[in-house]
């Protein structure tokens, strides 16, 4: 266990200084709590510790591929739909007329329960207009 702690300490110090230059001296100190390692002498009984890196193995990792082998196939909901056909024109006009009537009724005043029904009907009509891809009326 002590050897493993020494190895971890040595590796952490050596990896921290790998870019910075030559490795600093590591001191092994025996205290009442046990053996510790430090970058400076911690007492009269401290002694330099030689790092044995021959037991350390390094494995090169391969970065995962970031590109896909083939482009993704478009899903049916992602495909661009055709604009409203001529057959939808009459339906769109009818929806627009219904929306105008609802807006007119909402401007003139209504009860609370009637207001809820009007708002729900308006939402349904607007959803239907979007589904049919009706053009905006001016």
N, C-alpha and C. Protein backbone atom coordinates (compact mmCIF):
# COMPACT_ATOMS: atom_id res chain seq x y z
N UNK A 1 0.82 -1.19 0.00
CA UNK A 1 0.00 0.00 0.00
C UNK A 1 0.87 1.26 0.00
N UNK A 2 1.93 1.24 0.82
CA UNK A 2 2.82 2.41 0.88
C UNK A 2 3.50 2.63 -0.47
N UNK A 3 3.84 1.53 -1.10
CA UNK A 3 4.50 1.65 -2.40
C UNK A 3 3.55 2.25 -3.44
N UNK A 4 2.27 1.87 -3.34
CA UNK A 4 1.27 2.41 -4.27
C UNK A 4 1.09 3.91 -4.02
N UNK A 5 1.05 4.33 -2.75
CA UNK A 5 0.92 5.76 -2.44
C UNK A 5 2.14 6.52 -2.96
N UNK A 6 3.31 5.93 -2.78
CA UNK A 6 4.52 6.57 -3.26
C UNK A 6 4.49 6.71 -4.77
N UNK A 7 4.00 5.69 -5.43
CA UNK A 7 3.93 5.72 -6.88
C UNK A 7 2.94 6.78 -7.36
N UNK A 8 1.79 6.87 -6.71
CA UNK A 8 0.80 7.88 -7.08
C UNK A 8 1.36 9.28 -6.85
N UNK A 9 2.01 9.49 -5.74
CA UNK A 9 2.60 10.79 -5.45
C UNK A 9 3.67 11.13 -6.48
N UNK A 10 4.49 10.17 -6.79
CA UNK A 10 5.56 10.40 -7.75
C UNK A 10 5.00 10.70 -9.13
N UNK A 11 3.97 9.97 -9.53
CA UNK A 11 3.38 10.20 -10.84
C UNK A 11 2.70 11.55 -10.92
N UNK A 12 2.01 11.93 -9.86
CA UNK A 12 1.32 13.22 -9.90
C UNK A 12 2.32 14.36 -9.98
N UNK A 13 3.40 14.25 -9.27
CA UNK A 13 4.42 15.30 -9.32
C UNK A 13 5.13 15.27 -10.67
N UNK A 14 5.44 14.08 -11.16
CA UNK A 14 6.16 14.00 -12.43
C UNK A 14 5.27 14.44 -13.59
N UNK A 15 3.97 14.14 -13.53
CA UNK A 15 3.10 14.59 -14.62
C UNK A 15 2.87 16.09 -14.55
N UNK A 16 2.88 16.66 -13.37
CA UNK A 16 2.70 18.10 -13.24
C UNK A 16 3.91 18.86 -13.75
N UNK A 17 5.07 18.24 -13.67
CA UNK A 17 6.29 18.91 -14.10
C UNK A 17 6.78 18.42 -15.46
N UNK A 18 6.04 17.57 -16.12
CA UNK A 18 6.48 17.02 -17.40
C UNK A 18 6.70 18.12 -18.43
N UNK A 19 5.89 19.14 -18.39
CA UNK A 19 6.01 20.23 -19.35
C UNK A 19 6.95 21.31 -18.81
N UNK A 20 7.01 21.44 -17.51
CA UNK A 20 7.73 22.54 -16.89
C UNK A 20 9.25 22.40 -16.92
N UNK A 21 9.78 21.20 -17.00
CA UNK A 21 11.23 21.06 -17.02
C UNK A 21 11.66 19.84 -16.23
N UNK A 22 12.89 19.88 -15.67
CA UNK A 22 13.40 18.72 -14.95
C UNK A 22 12.58 18.46 -13.69
N UNK A 23 12.43 17.19 -13.31
CA UNK A 23 11.62 16.87 -12.14
C UNK A 23 12.27 17.38 -10.86
N UNK A 24 11.47 17.88 -9.94
CA UNK A 24 12.02 18.35 -8.66
C UNK A 24 12.36 17.16 -7.77
N UNK A 25 13.08 17.45 -6.73
CA UNK A 25 13.42 16.41 -5.77
C UNK A 25 12.21 16.13 -4.90
N UNK A 26 11.93 14.85 -4.68
CA UNK A 26 10.82 14.45 -3.82
C UNK A 26 11.42 13.86 -2.56
N UNK A 27 10.87 14.26 -1.43
CA UNK A 27 11.37 13.79 -0.15
C UNK A 27 10.37 12.84 0.48
N UNK A 28 10.91 11.75 1.05
CA UNK A 28 10.09 10.77 1.77
C UNK A 28 10.28 11.03 3.25
N UNK A 29 9.17 11.28 3.93
CA UNK A 29 9.24 11.63 5.35
C UNK A 29 8.45 10.63 6.17
N UNK A 30 9.04 10.20 7.28
CA UNK A 30 8.33 9.32 8.21
C UNK A 30 7.85 10.17 9.38
N UNK A 31 6.53 10.15 9.58
CA UNK A 31 5.94 10.91 10.69
C UNK A 31 5.13 9.96 11.55
N UNK A 32 4.51 10.50 12.61
CA UNK A 32 3.66 9.68 13.47
C UNK A 32 2.45 9.15 12.70
N UNK A 33 1.98 9.91 11.72
CA UNK A 33 0.82 9.51 10.92
C UNK A 33 1.19 8.48 9.86
N UNK A 34 2.46 8.32 9.59
CA UNK A 34 2.91 7.37 8.58
C UNK A 34 3.89 8.02 7.63
N UNK A 35 4.05 7.43 6.48
CA UNK A 35 4.99 7.93 5.49
C UNK A 35 4.27 8.95 4.61
N UNK A 36 4.93 10.11 4.40
CA UNK A 36 4.40 11.14 3.51
C UNK A 36 5.48 11.53 2.52
N UNK A 37 5.05 12.19 1.45
CA UNK A 37 5.97 12.66 0.43
C UNK A 37 5.78 14.16 0.28
N UNK A 38 6.89 14.89 0.08
CA UNK A 38 6.82 16.34 -0.02
C UNK A 38 7.86 16.83 -1.02
N UNK A 39 7.70 18.09 -1.44
CA UNK A 39 8.65 18.66 -2.39
C UNK A 39 9.79 19.38 -1.69
N UNK A 40 9.78 19.39 -0.36
CA UNK A 40 10.88 19.98 0.41
C UNK A 40 11.09 19.12 1.66
N UNK A 41 12.27 19.16 2.24
CA UNK A 41 12.53 18.34 3.43
C UNK A 41 11.56 18.69 4.55
N UNK A 42 11.05 17.66 5.21
CA UNK A 42 10.07 17.90 6.27
C UNK A 42 10.63 17.54 7.64
N UNK A 43 11.89 17.37 7.76
CA UNK A 43 12.48 17.10 9.05
C UNK A 43 13.87 16.49 8.88
N UNK A 44 14.47 16.17 10.03
CA UNK A 44 15.82 15.61 9.99
C UNK A 44 15.84 14.21 9.40
N UNK A 45 14.72 13.50 9.52
CA UNK A 45 14.69 12.12 9.02
C UNK A 45 14.20 12.02 7.57
N UNK A 46 13.98 13.16 6.91
CA UNK A 46 13.52 13.10 5.52
C UNK A 46 14.70 12.79 4.61
N UNK A 47 14.40 12.08 3.54
CA UNK A 47 15.45 11.70 2.60
C UNK A 47 14.91 11.80 1.18
N UNK A 48 15.77 12.12 0.21
CA UNK A 48 15.30 12.18 -1.18
C UNK A 48 14.78 10.82 -1.63
N UNK A 49 13.73 10.86 -2.41
CA UNK A 49 13.10 9.62 -2.90
C UNK A 49 13.32 9.52 -4.40
N UNK A 50 13.89 8.40 -4.82
CA UNK A 50 14.12 8.18 -6.25
C UNK A 50 12.87 7.53 -6.85
N UNK A 51 12.37 8.13 -7.90
CA UNK A 51 11.17 7.63 -8.55
C UNK A 51 11.56 6.51 -9.50
N UNK A 52 10.91 5.37 -9.35
CA UNK A 52 11.15 4.24 -10.24
C UNK A 52 10.00 4.17 -11.23
N UNK A 53 10.22 4.75 -12.41
CA UNK A 53 9.17 4.79 -13.42
C UNK A 53 9.17 3.55 -14.32
N UNK A 54 10.05 2.59 -14.04
CA UNK A 54 10.10 1.39 -14.87
C UNK A 54 8.86 0.52 -14.67
N UNK A 55 8.17 0.68 -13.54
CA UNK A 55 6.98 -0.13 -13.28
C UNK A 55 5.70 0.54 -13.79
N UNK A 56 5.84 1.74 -14.33
CA UNK A 56 4.68 2.47 -14.82
C UNK A 56 4.48 2.16 -16.29
N UNK A 57 3.25 1.83 -16.65
CA UNK A 57 2.96 1.59 -18.07
C UNK A 57 2.04 2.69 -18.59
N UNK A 58 2.25 3.03 -19.84
CA UNK A 58 1.46 4.09 -20.48
C UNK A 58 0.75 3.48 -21.68
N UNK A 59 -0.54 3.74 -21.78
CA UNK A 59 -1.32 3.21 -22.90
C UNK A 59 -1.77 4.39 -23.75
N UNK A 60 -1.45 4.33 -25.03
CA UNK A 60 -1.91 5.37 -25.94
C UNK A 60 -3.38 5.12 -26.26
N UNK A 61 -4.17 6.17 -26.19
CA UNK A 61 -5.59 6.03 -26.51
C UNK A 61 -5.84 6.54 -27.92
N UNK A 62 -6.85 5.99 -28.52
CA UNK A 62 -7.24 6.40 -29.86
C UNK A 62 -8.48 7.27 -29.71
N UNK A 63 -8.43 8.46 -30.30
CA UNK A 63 -9.58 9.36 -30.21
C UNK A 63 -10.74 8.78 -31.01
N UNK A 64 -11.96 8.87 -30.47
CA UNK A 64 -13.11 8.34 -31.21
C UNK A 64 -13.36 9.14 -32.48
N UNK A 65 -13.90 8.47 -33.46
CA UNK A 65 -14.23 9.14 -34.72
C UNK A 65 -15.33 10.15 -34.50
N UNK A 66 -15.14 11.33 -35.06
CA UNK A 66 -16.14 12.37 -34.86
C UNK A 66 -17.06 12.51 -36.06
N UNK A 67 -16.73 11.92 -37.18
CA UNK A 67 -17.59 12.03 -38.36
C UNK A 67 -18.38 10.75 -38.53
N UNK A 68 -19.55 10.89 -39.10
CA UNK A 68 -20.40 9.73 -39.34
C UNK A 68 -19.97 9.07 -40.65
N UNK A 69 -20.20 7.78 -40.74
CA UNK A 69 -19.85 7.05 -41.95
C UNK A 69 -20.70 7.49 -43.13
N UNK A 70 -21.96 7.78 -42.88
CA UNK A 70 -22.85 8.24 -43.95
C UNK A 70 -23.75 9.34 -43.39
N UNK A 71 -24.22 10.22 -44.24
CA UNK A 71 -25.09 11.29 -43.74
C UNK A 71 -26.40 10.70 -43.25
N UNK A 72 -27.02 11.32 -42.26
CA UNK A 72 -28.27 10.78 -41.72
C UNK A 72 -29.38 10.87 -42.76
N UNK A 73 -30.23 9.88 -42.74
CA UNK A 73 -31.36 9.90 -43.67
C UNK A 73 -32.45 10.79 -43.09
N UNK A 74 -33.09 11.59 -43.92
CA UNK A 74 -34.12 12.49 -43.41
C UNK A 74 -35.35 11.70 -42.96
N UNK A 75 -35.88 12.08 -41.81
CA UNK A 75 -37.09 11.44 -41.31
C UNK A 75 -38.30 12.09 -41.97
N UNK A 76 -39.39 11.40 -41.95
CA UNK A 76 -40.57 11.89 -42.65
C UNK A 76 -41.03 13.24 -42.11
N UNK A 77 -40.92 13.47 -40.80
CA UNK A 77 -41.38 14.74 -40.27
C UNK A 77 -40.41 15.88 -40.56
N UNK A 78 -39.14 15.53 -40.93
CA UNK A 78 -38.16 16.56 -41.25
C UNK A 78 -38.22 17.00 -42.71
N UNK A 79 -38.85 16.24 -43.54
CA UNK A 79 -38.92 16.58 -44.96
C UNK A 79 -39.77 17.82 -45.16
N UNK A 80 -39.41 18.59 -46.14
CA UNK A 80 -40.16 19.80 -46.45
C UNK A 80 -41.43 19.40 -47.17
N UNK A 81 -42.54 19.91 -46.69
CA UNK A 81 -43.82 19.58 -47.31
C UNK A 81 -44.13 20.58 -48.40
N UNK A 82 -44.95 20.16 -49.32
CA UNK A 82 -45.37 21.02 -50.43
C UNK A 82 -46.24 22.15 -49.90
N UNK A 83 -46.21 23.32 -50.54
CA UNK A 83 -47.10 24.41 -50.13
C UNK A 83 -48.55 24.02 -50.36
N UNK A 84 -49.43 24.79 -49.78
CA UNK A 84 -50.86 24.48 -49.87
C UNK A 84 -51.29 24.35 -51.32
N UNK A 85 -51.96 23.28 -51.61
CA UNK A 85 -52.42 23.04 -52.98
C UNK A 85 -53.67 23.88 -53.25
N UNK A 86 -54.07 23.94 -54.51
CA UNK A 86 -55.25 24.72 -54.89
C UNK A 86 -56.50 24.19 -54.21
N UNK A 87 -56.53 22.87 -53.91
CA UNK A 87 -57.70 22.29 -53.27
C UNK A 87 -57.88 22.80 -51.84
N UNK A 88 -56.80 23.27 -51.22
CA UNK A 88 -56.89 23.79 -49.85
C UNK A 88 -57.34 25.24 -49.82
N UNK A 89 -57.37 25.89 -50.94
CA UNK A 89 -57.69 27.32 -50.97
C UNK A 89 -59.08 27.58 -50.40
N UNK A 90 -60.06 26.79 -50.80
CA UNK A 90 -61.42 26.98 -50.30
C UNK A 90 -61.48 26.71 -48.80
N UNK A 91 -60.79 25.67 -48.35
CA UNK A 91 -60.77 25.34 -46.92
C UNK A 91 -60.10 26.46 -46.14
N UNK A 92 -59.02 26.99 -46.67
CA UNK A 92 -58.31 28.09 -45.99
C UNK A 92 -59.21 29.32 -45.90
N UNK A 93 -59.94 29.61 -46.96
CA UNK A 93 -60.86 30.76 -46.92
C UNK A 93 -61.92 30.57 -45.84
N UNK A 94 -62.44 29.35 -45.76
CA UNK A 94 -63.46 29.05 -44.75
C UNK A 94 -62.88 29.22 -43.33
N UNK A 95 -61.66 28.72 -43.12
CA UNK A 95 -61.02 28.87 -41.81
C UNK A 95 -60.80 30.34 -41.47
N UNK A 96 -60.36 31.12 -42.45
CA UNK A 96 -60.15 32.56 -42.23
C UNK A 96 -61.45 33.25 -41.85
N UNK A 97 -62.53 32.90 -42.52
CA UNK A 97 -63.83 33.51 -42.23
C UNK A 97 -64.28 33.15 -40.81
N UNK A 98 -64.09 31.89 -40.43
CA UNK A 98 -64.45 31.47 -39.07
C UNK A 98 -63.63 32.21 -38.03
N UNK A 99 -62.35 32.39 -38.29
CA UNK A 99 -61.49 33.13 -37.36
C UNK A 99 -61.93 34.59 -37.24
N UNK A 100 -62.30 35.20 -38.35
CA UNK A 100 -62.78 36.59 -38.31
C UNK A 100 -64.04 36.72 -37.46
N UNK A 101 -64.95 35.75 -37.58
CA UNK A 101 -66.18 35.78 -36.78
C UNK A 101 -65.87 35.65 -35.29
N UNK A 102 -64.94 34.75 -34.97
CA UNK A 102 -64.57 34.57 -33.56
C UNK A 102 -63.94 35.84 -33.01
N UNK A 103 -63.03 36.46 -33.75
CA UNK A 103 -62.39 37.70 -33.30
C UNK A 103 -63.41 38.81 -33.14
N UNK A 104 -64.37 38.87 -34.03
CA UNK A 104 -65.42 39.89 -33.93
C UNK A 104 -66.24 39.67 -32.66
N UNK A 105 -66.60 38.43 -32.39
CA UNK A 105 -67.37 38.11 -31.18
C UNK A 105 -66.56 38.45 -29.94
N UNK A 106 -65.27 38.18 -29.96
CA UNK A 106 -64.42 38.45 -28.80
C UNK A 106 -64.30 39.96 -28.55
N UNK A 107 -64.36 40.76 -29.59
CA UNK A 107 -64.28 42.21 -29.42
C UNK A 107 -65.56 42.79 -28.83
N UNK A 108 -66.70 42.16 -29.12
CA UNK A 108 -67.98 42.72 -28.66
C UNK A 108 -68.29 42.36 -27.23
N UNK A 109 -67.65 41.38 -26.66
CA UNK A 109 -67.90 41.00 -25.27
C UNK A 109 -68.51 39.62 -25.19
N UNK A 110 -68.25 38.94 -24.08
CA UNK A 110 -68.71 37.57 -23.90
C UNK A 110 -68.60 37.21 -22.44
N UNK A 111 -69.28 36.11 -22.05
CA UNK A 111 -69.21 35.62 -20.67
C UNK A 111 -67.92 34.80 -20.50
N UNK A 112 -67.62 34.43 -19.27
CA UNK A 112 -66.40 33.68 -18.99
C UNK A 112 -66.43 32.31 -19.67
N UNK A 113 -67.54 31.61 -19.56
CA UNK A 113 -67.61 30.28 -20.17
C UNK A 113 -67.58 30.38 -21.69
N UNK A 114 -68.25 31.40 -22.24
CA UNK A 114 -68.24 31.59 -23.68
C UNK A 114 -66.83 31.96 -24.16
N UNK A 115 -66.10 32.73 -23.35
CA UNK A 115 -64.73 33.12 -23.69
C UNK A 115 -63.81 31.92 -23.80
N UNK A 116 -63.97 30.96 -22.87
CA UNK A 116 -63.15 29.75 -22.93
C UNK A 116 -63.42 28.98 -24.21
N UNK A 117 -64.70 28.87 -24.58
CA UNK A 117 -65.06 28.15 -25.81
C UNK A 117 -64.52 28.88 -27.04
N UNK A 118 -64.59 30.21 -27.04
CA UNK A 118 -64.08 30.99 -28.17
C UNK A 118 -62.57 30.82 -28.33
N UNK A 119 -61.85 30.89 -27.22
CA UNK A 119 -60.39 30.74 -27.28
C UNK A 119 -60.00 29.33 -27.75
N UNK A 120 -60.72 28.32 -27.27
CA UNK A 120 -60.42 26.95 -27.69
C UNK A 120 -60.69 26.78 -29.18
N UNK A 121 -61.81 27.30 -29.66
CA UNK A 121 -62.16 27.21 -31.08
C UNK A 121 -61.13 27.95 -31.93
N UNK A 122 -60.69 29.12 -31.44
CA UNK A 122 -59.69 29.92 -32.16
C UNK A 122 -58.38 29.13 -32.27
N UNK A 123 -57.95 28.50 -31.16
CA UNK A 123 -56.73 27.69 -31.18
C UNK A 123 -56.85 26.54 -32.20
N UNK A 124 -58.01 25.87 -32.20
CA UNK A 124 -58.22 24.76 -33.13
C UNK A 124 -58.15 25.22 -34.58
N UNK A 125 -58.79 26.36 -34.87
CA UNK A 125 -58.78 26.87 -36.24
C UNK A 125 -57.37 27.28 -36.67
N UNK A 126 -56.62 27.92 -35.77
CA UNK A 126 -55.25 28.33 -36.10
C UNK A 126 -54.36 27.11 -36.33
N UNK A 127 -54.56 26.07 -35.52
CA UNK A 127 -53.79 24.84 -35.70
C UNK A 127 -54.09 24.22 -37.06
N UNK A 128 -55.36 24.19 -37.42
CA UNK A 128 -55.77 23.64 -38.72
C UNK A 128 -55.17 24.45 -39.87
N UNK A 129 -55.14 25.78 -39.73
CA UNK A 129 -54.53 26.64 -40.77
C UNK A 129 -53.05 26.30 -40.95
N UNK A 130 -52.36 26.09 -39.82
CA UNK A 130 -50.93 25.75 -39.91
C UNK A 130 -50.73 24.39 -40.57
N UNK A 131 -51.60 23.43 -40.24
CA UNK A 131 -51.48 22.09 -40.84
C UNK A 131 -51.68 22.14 -42.35
N UNK A 132 -52.60 22.98 -42.79
CA UNK A 132 -52.88 23.09 -44.23
C UNK A 132 -51.91 24.03 -44.93
N UNK A 133 -51.07 24.70 -44.14
CA UNK A 133 -50.10 25.68 -44.66
C UNK A 133 -50.81 26.78 -45.45
N UNK A 134 -51.87 27.30 -44.86
CA UNK A 134 -52.61 28.40 -45.49
C UNK A 134 -51.76 29.66 -45.47
N UNK A 135 -51.88 30.47 -46.49
CA UNK A 135 -51.15 31.73 -46.54
C UNK A 135 -51.79 32.73 -45.60
N UNK A 136 -50.96 33.63 -45.08
CA UNK A 136 -51.47 34.67 -44.19
C UNK A 136 -52.34 35.62 -44.99
N UNK A 137 -53.44 36.02 -44.37
CA UNK A 137 -54.33 36.98 -45.03
C UNK A 137 -54.03 38.36 -44.49
N UNK A 138 -54.17 39.34 -45.31
CA UNK A 138 -53.80 40.69 -44.92
C UNK A 138 -54.94 41.51 -44.54
